[in-house]
Protein backbone atom coordinates (compact mmCIF):
# COMPACT_ATOMS: atom_id res chain seq x y z
CA MET A 1 62.30 33.81 41.39
CA LYS A 2 63.53 36.95 42.51
CA TYR A 3 62.19 37.85 45.54
CA MET A 4 63.47 41.17 47.72
CA LEU A 5 61.77 41.43 51.11
CA LEU A 6 61.46 44.91 52.45
CA ILE A 7 61.54 45.88 55.81
CA TYR A 8 59.38 48.71 57.35
CA MET A 9 59.13 50.11 61.15
CA GLY A 10 59.13 52.84 62.93
CA GLU A 11 62.90 53.92 63.75
CA GLN A 12 61.79 53.96 67.43
CA ALA A 13 59.89 50.74 67.59
CA MET A 14 63.17 48.69 68.99
CA SER A 15 65.24 49.20 71.83
CA GLU A 16 69.65 49.11 70.62
CA ASP A 17 70.05 45.67 72.87
CA GLU A 18 67.17 44.55 70.47
CA ARG A 19 68.33 45.82 67.25
CA GLN A 20 71.61 44.73 68.36
CA HIS A 21 70.22 40.77 68.42
CA CYS A 22 67.77 41.54 65.64
CA TYR A 23 71.59 42.02 63.77
CA VAL A 24 72.80 38.79 65.09
CA ASP A 25 69.44 36.82 64.23
CA SER A 26 69.47 38.40 60.60
CA ALA A 27 73.15 36.73 60.08
CA GLN A 28 72.13 33.63 61.12
CA LEU A 29 69.02 33.67 58.68
CA ALA A 30 71.37 35.09 55.83
CA ARG A 31 74.07 31.82 56.39
CA ASP A 32 70.68 29.71 56.62
CA LEU A 33 69.62 30.73 53.10
CA HIS A 34 73.23 30.96 51.88
CA ALA A 35 73.80 27.36 52.89
CA ASN A 36 70.57 26.27 51.10
CA GLY A 37 70.95 28.35 47.83
CA ARG A 38 67.64 30.30 48.81
CA TYR A 39 69.98 33.68 49.96
CA LEU A 40 71.14 36.49 47.67
CA ALA A 41 72.22 39.67 49.84
CA ALA A 42 70.89 41.80 53.15
CA ASN A 43 71.83 44.74 54.82
CA PRO A 44 70.10 46.90 57.10
CA LEU A 45 69.81 50.42 56.25
CA HIS A 46 71.23 54.12 57.62
CA PRO A 47 68.79 55.43 59.93
CA VAL A 48 66.30 57.67 58.02
CA PRO A 49 68.23 61.48 58.60
CA THR A 50 70.59 60.07 56.61
CA ALA A 51 68.96 59.78 53.51
CA THR A 52 68.92 61.89 50.74
CA ARG A 53 66.26 62.57 48.22
CA LEU A 54 66.71 63.09 44.08
CA ARG A 55 64.59 64.02 41.73
CA VAL A 56 65.36 64.90 38.23
CA ARG A 57 63.12 67.65 36.77
CA ASP A 58 63.37 69.70 33.32
CA GLY A 59 67.00 67.73 32.94
CA LYS A 60 68.32 69.42 36.48
CA PRO A 61 69.20 67.78 39.56
CA LEU A 62 66.81 68.74 42.72
CA VAL A 63 68.47 67.42 46.08
CA THR A 64 67.16 67.41 49.32
CA ASP A 65 67.50 65.73 52.93
CA GLY A 66 65.81 63.03 54.50
CA PRO A 67 62.33 60.96 53.63
CA PHE A 68 60.44 61.14 50.99
CA ALA A 69 57.58 61.40 53.09
CA GLU A 70 56.84 61.68 57.60
CA THR A 71 55.25 57.50 57.59
CA ARG A 72 54.81 55.63 60.82
CA GLU A 73 56.68 53.15 59.25
CA GLN A 74 60.35 53.65 57.02
CA LEU A 75 62.90 51.54 55.20
CA GLY A 76 65.00 49.57 57.23
CA GLY A 77 66.75 47.10 55.16
CA TYR A 78 66.22 44.44 53.07
CA PHE A 79 67.09 40.33 52.39
CA LEU A 80 67.66 39.48 48.71
CA ILE A 81 66.35 36.14 48.20
CA ASP A 82 65.91 32.87 45.49
CA ALA A 83 62.84 31.25 46.22
CA LYS A 84 60.49 28.28 43.65
CA ASP A 85 57.64 30.39 44.44
CA LEU A 86 55.64 33.16 46.28
CA ASP A 87 54.92 30.58 49.73
CA GLU A 88 58.41 29.73 50.05
CA ALA A 89 58.70 33.68 49.61
CA ILE A 90 56.51 34.45 52.37
CA GLY A 91 58.26 31.06 54.42
CA ILE A 92 61.39 32.88 54.52
CA ALA A 93 60.01 36.10 55.35
CA SER A 94 57.79 35.49 58.36
CA ARG A 95 61.21 34.00 59.84
CA ILE A 96 62.90 38.00 59.44
CA PRO A 97 63.71 39.07 63.52
CA GLY A 98 62.17 42.66 61.83
CA ALA A 99 58.33 41.37 60.77
CA ARG A 100 57.85 40.77 64.53
CA LYS A 101 57.97 44.86 65.49
CA GLY A 102 57.39 45.79 61.25
CA THR A 103 56.41 44.83 57.88
CA VAL A 104 57.91 42.93 55.65
CA GLU A 105 56.69 43.63 51.61
CA ILE A 106 57.34 41.17 49.12
CA ARG A 107 58.06 41.88 46.24
CA PRO A 108 58.90 39.70 42.61
CA VAL A 109 62.01 40.99 40.62
CA MET A 110 61.62 41.31 37.20
CA GLU A 111 64.06 40.66 35.01
CA VAL A 112 65.18 42.59 32.76
CA SER A 113 67.73 41.64 30.27
CA GLY A 114 70.52 43.52 28.89
CA LEU A 115 71.44 44.35 32.59
CA PRO A 116 75.28 43.29 33.73
CA THR A 117 75.29 40.03 35.66
CA GLY A 118 77.20 39.32 39.25
């Protein structure tokens, strides 16, 4: 089953040195998962001030800058994995470096027929 591991943390939770080390550790985790056939995708996201929001109301797009709401933790990145079950997904999520400073949300991915693959 596919799981999306969403990594949330405060934007100031890490120093620049810690952030760079986190990227190195995350890349190693991605390589380990790939070697075991569990890796599908992973990426950090640019900081929240670069975000743009879109809503469509009455058929018209409404575009605004920034995140949806002020929160202590923001979505900072993700891993998309293939795991045999939730227990395995939790084990993988616990290895994500960002889990030590923030929160990892584990969500099963719905399979919808008719979507393009690969």
